[in-house]
Amino acid sequence: ESFTSSPLSDVNLSHNRLREVSVSAFTTHSQGRALHVDLSHNLLHRLTPHSAGAGPPAPTIQSLNLAWNRLRTVPDLRDLPLRYLSLDGNPLAVVG
C-alpha cells in the first residue's frame, strides 16, 4: 500500500536492491489514471500478482519496466491494463 494515497503517475524504483514487489503496492484511489512503473535494474526474482476479490481494484499500470532483474518466469500480469512491458535482460526460462 506504499502508493495508495499518492497522486503520482510515474514511479521510478530502478537501480535499487528490491527482491520482491507486490503489484498491489501500486493501487491508487485515483483509478483510471495511467501509471508508469520502472522496476528495472533491481534484484527481483518475483512479482507478486494483484489479488482479485474483495480487495481494492487492480492498479492501472499501463507501462511496466522489469528489465535487468532475476525473473525466471513471466509474472502473472493478467489484471493489469498494460500497453508496454519490458523484460529485457532477465534469465527467463518459462513463458506461460
C-alpha atoms as a PDB file:
ATOM      1  CA  GLU A   1       0.000   0.000   0.000  1.00  0.00           C
ATOM      2  CA  SER A   2       3.013   2.273  -0.406  1.00  0.00           C
ATOM      3  CA  PHE A   3       1.417   4.457  -3.068  1.00  0.00           C
ATOM      4  CA  THR A   4      -2.296   4.196  -2.155  1.00  0.00           C
ATOM      5  CA  SER A   5      -2.787   7.917  -1.492  1.00  0.00           C
ATOM      6  CA  SER A   6      -0.234   9.117  -3.990  1.00  0.00           C
ATOM      7  CA  PRO A   7      -1.123  11.381  -6.938  1.00  0.00           C
ATOM      8  CA  LEU A   8       1.921  10.078  -8.855  1.00  0.00           C
ATOM      9  CA  SER A   9       1.602   8.872 -12.410  1.00  0.00           C
ATOM     10  CA  ASP A  10       5.269   7.830 -12.748  1.00  0.00           C
ATOM     11  CA  VAL A  11       7.054   5.683 -10.163  1.00  0.00           C
ATOM     12  CA  ASN A  12      10.747   5.003 -10.729  1.00  0.00           C
ATOM     13  CA  LEU A  13      12.219   2.430  -8.345  1.00  0.00           C
ATOM     14  CA  SER A  14      15.011   1.370 -10.678  1.00  0.00           C
ATOM     15  CA  HIS A  15      18.596   0.689  -9.592  1.00  0.00           C
ATOM     16  CA  ASN A  16      17.803  -0.477  -6.072  1.00  0.00           C
ATOM     17  CA  ARG A  17      18.080  -3.831  -4.348  1.00  0.00           C
ATOM     18  CA  LEU A  18      14.412  -4.818  -4.435  1.00  0.00           C
ATOM     19  CA  ARG A  19      13.953  -8.596  -4.398  1.00  0.00           C
ATOM     20  CA  GLU A  20      10.178  -8.921  -4.374  1.00  0.00           C
ATOM     21  CA  VAL A  21       7.400  -6.444  -5.131  1.00  0.00           C
ATOM     22  CA  SER A  22       3.638  -6.782  -4.910  1.00  0.00           C
ATOM     23  CA  VAL A  23       1.673  -5.333  -7.815  1.00  0.00           C
ATOM     24  CA  SER A  24      -0.911  -4.226  -5.229  1.00  0.00           C
ATOM     25  CA  ALA A  25       1.618  -1.697  -3.879  1.00  0.00           C
ATOM     26  CA  PHE A  26       0.736   0.497  -6.859  1.00  0.00           C
ATOM     27  CA  THR A  27      -3.034   0.566  -6.325  1.00  0.00           C
ATOM     28  CA  THR A  28      -4.217   4.169  -6.009  1.00  0.00           C
ATOM     29  CA  HIS A  29      -7.533   5.803  -5.182  1.00  0.00           C
ATOM     30  CA  SER A  30      -7.493   7.716  -8.465  1.00  0.00           C
ATOM     31  CA  GLN A  31      -8.328   4.767 -10.691  1.00  0.00           C
ATOM     32  CA  GLY A  32      -8.385   5.455 -14.397  1.00  0.00           C
ATOM     33  CA  ARG A  33      -5.155   7.480 -14.474  1.00  0.00           C
ATOM     34  CA  ALA A  34      -2.386   5.649 -16.318  1.00  0.00           C
ATOM     35  CA  LEU A  35       0.524   4.643 -14.130  1.00  0.00           C
ATOM     36  CA  HIS A  36       4.071   4.066 -15.379  1.00  0.00           C
ATOM     37  CA  VAL A  37       6.269   1.901 -13.154  1.00  0.00           C
ATOM     38  CA  ASP A  38      10.008   1.327 -13.606  1.00  0.00           C
ATOM     39  CA  LEU A  39      11.425  -1.570 -11.561  1.00  0.00           C
ATOM     40  CA  SER A  40      14.412  -2.175 -13.817  1.00  0.00           C
ATOM     41  CA  HIS A  41      17.922  -2.957 -12.570  1.00  0.00           C
ATOM     42  CA  ASN A  42      16.877  -4.495  -9.263  1.00  0.00           C
ATOM     43  CA  LEU A  43      17.244  -7.997  -7.847  1.00  0.00           C
ATOM     44  CA  LEU A  44      13.624  -9.006  -8.444  1.00  0.00           C
ATOM     45  CA  HIS A  45      13.050 -12.719  -8.600  1.00  0.00           C
ATOM     46  CA  ARG A  46       9.300 -12.438  -8.041  1.00  0.00           C
ATOM     47  CA  LEU A  47       6.490 -10.002  -8.758  1.00  0.00           C
ATOM     48  CA  THR A  48       3.510 -10.883  -6.575  1.00  0.00           C
ATOM     49  CA  PRO A  49       0.281 -10.609  -8.598  1.00  0.00           C
ATOM     50  CA  HIS A  50      -2.624  -8.441  -7.542  1.00  0.00           C
ATOM     51  CA  SER A  51      -5.097 -10.487  -5.532  1.00  0.00           C
ATOM     52  CA  ALA A  52      -8.515 -10.126  -7.118  1.00  0.00           C
ATOM     53  CA  GLY A  53     -11.595 -10.382  -4.965  1.00  0.00           C
ATOM     54  CA  ALA A  54     -12.771  -8.276  -2.046  1.00  0.00           C
ATOM     55  CA  GLY A  55      -9.707  -6.035  -2.037  1.00  0.00           C
ATOM     56  CA  PRO A  56      -9.104  -2.828  -3.998  1.00  0.00           C
ATOM     57  CA  PRO A  57      -9.238  -2.912  -7.799  1.00  0.00           C
ATOM     58  CA  ALA A  58      -6.113  -3.749  -9.770  1.00  0.00           C
ATOM     59  CA  PRO A  59      -3.705  -0.868 -10.312  1.00  0.00           C
ATOM     60  CA  THR A  60      -3.903   0.940 -13.654  1.00  0.00           C
ATOM     61  CA  ILE A  61      -0.305   0.189 -14.642  1.00  0.00           C
ATOM     62  CA  GLN A  62      -0.018   0.794 -18.373  1.00  0.00           C
ATOM     63  CA  SER A  63       3.766   0.786 -18.620  1.00  0.00           C
ATOM     64  CA  LEU A  64       5.927  -1.659 -16.651  1.00  0.00           C
ATOM     65  CA  ASN A  65       9.689  -1.937 -16.952  1.00  0.00           C
ATOM     66  CA  LEU A  66      11.083  -5.121 -15.385  1.00  0.00           C
ATOM     67  CA  ALA A  67      14.324  -5.159 -17.378  1.00  0.00           C
ATOM     68  CA  TRP A  68      17.580  -6.434 -15.876  1.00  0.00           C
ATOM     69  CA  ASN A  69      16.246  -8.326 -12.887  1.00  0.00           C
ATOM     70  CA  ARG A  70      16.381 -12.014 -11.933  1.00  0.00           C
ATOM     71  CA  LEU A  71      12.983 -13.142 -13.184  1.00  0.00           C
ATOM     72  CA  ARG A  72      12.938 -16.746 -14.433  1.00  0.00           C
ATOM     73  CA  THR A  73       9.268 -16.733 -15.491  1.00  0.00           C
ATOM     74  CA  VAL A  74       6.971 -14.073 -16.871  1.00  0.00           C
ATOM     75  CA  PRO A  75       4.928 -12.727 -13.928  1.00  0.00           C
ATOM     76  CA  ASP A  76       1.131 -13.016 -13.805  1.00  0.00           C
ATOM     77  CA  LEU A  77       0.019  -9.609 -15.089  1.00  0.00           C
ATOM     78  CA  ARG A  78      -3.476 -10.560 -16.326  1.00  0.00           C
ATOM     79  CA  ASP A  79      -5.383  -7.931 -14.341  1.00  0.00           C
ATOM     80  CA  LEU A  80      -3.235  -5.008 -15.496  1.00  0.00           C
ATOM     81  CA  PRO A  81      -4.168  -2.805 -18.480  1.00  0.00           C
ATOM     82  CA  LEU A  82      -0.595  -2.974 -19.828  1.00  0.00           C
ATOM     83  CA  ARG A  83       0.342  -1.276 -23.070  1.00  0.00           C
ATOM     84  CA  TYR A  84       4.118  -1.623 -22.590  1.00  0.00           C
ATOM     85  CA  LEU A  85       6.163  -4.336 -20.856  1.00  0.00           C
ATOM     86  CA  SER A  86       9.932  -4.742 -20.853  1.00  0.00           C
ATOM     87  CA  LEU A  87      11.564  -7.957 -19.639  1.00  0.00           C
ATOM     88  CA  ASP A  88      14.977  -7.381 -21.256  1.00  0.00           C
ATOM     89  CA  GLY A  89      18.000  -8.908 -19.561  1.00  0.00           C
ATOM     90  CA  ASN A  90      16.149 -11.382 -17.328  1.00  0.00           C
ATOM     91  CA  PRO A  91      17.166 -15.084 -17.249  1.00  0.00           C
ATOM     92  CA  LEU A  92      13.695 -16.144 -18.425  1.00  0.00           C
ATOM     93  CA  ALA A  93      13.278 -19.905 -18.716  1.00  0.00           C
ATOM     94  CA  VAL A  94       9.467 -20.125 -18.918  1.00  0.00           C
ATOM     95  CA  VAL A  95       6.873 -18.096 -20.786  1.00  0.00           C
ATOM     96  CA  GLY A  96       3.432 -19.337 -19.709  1.00  0.00           C
END
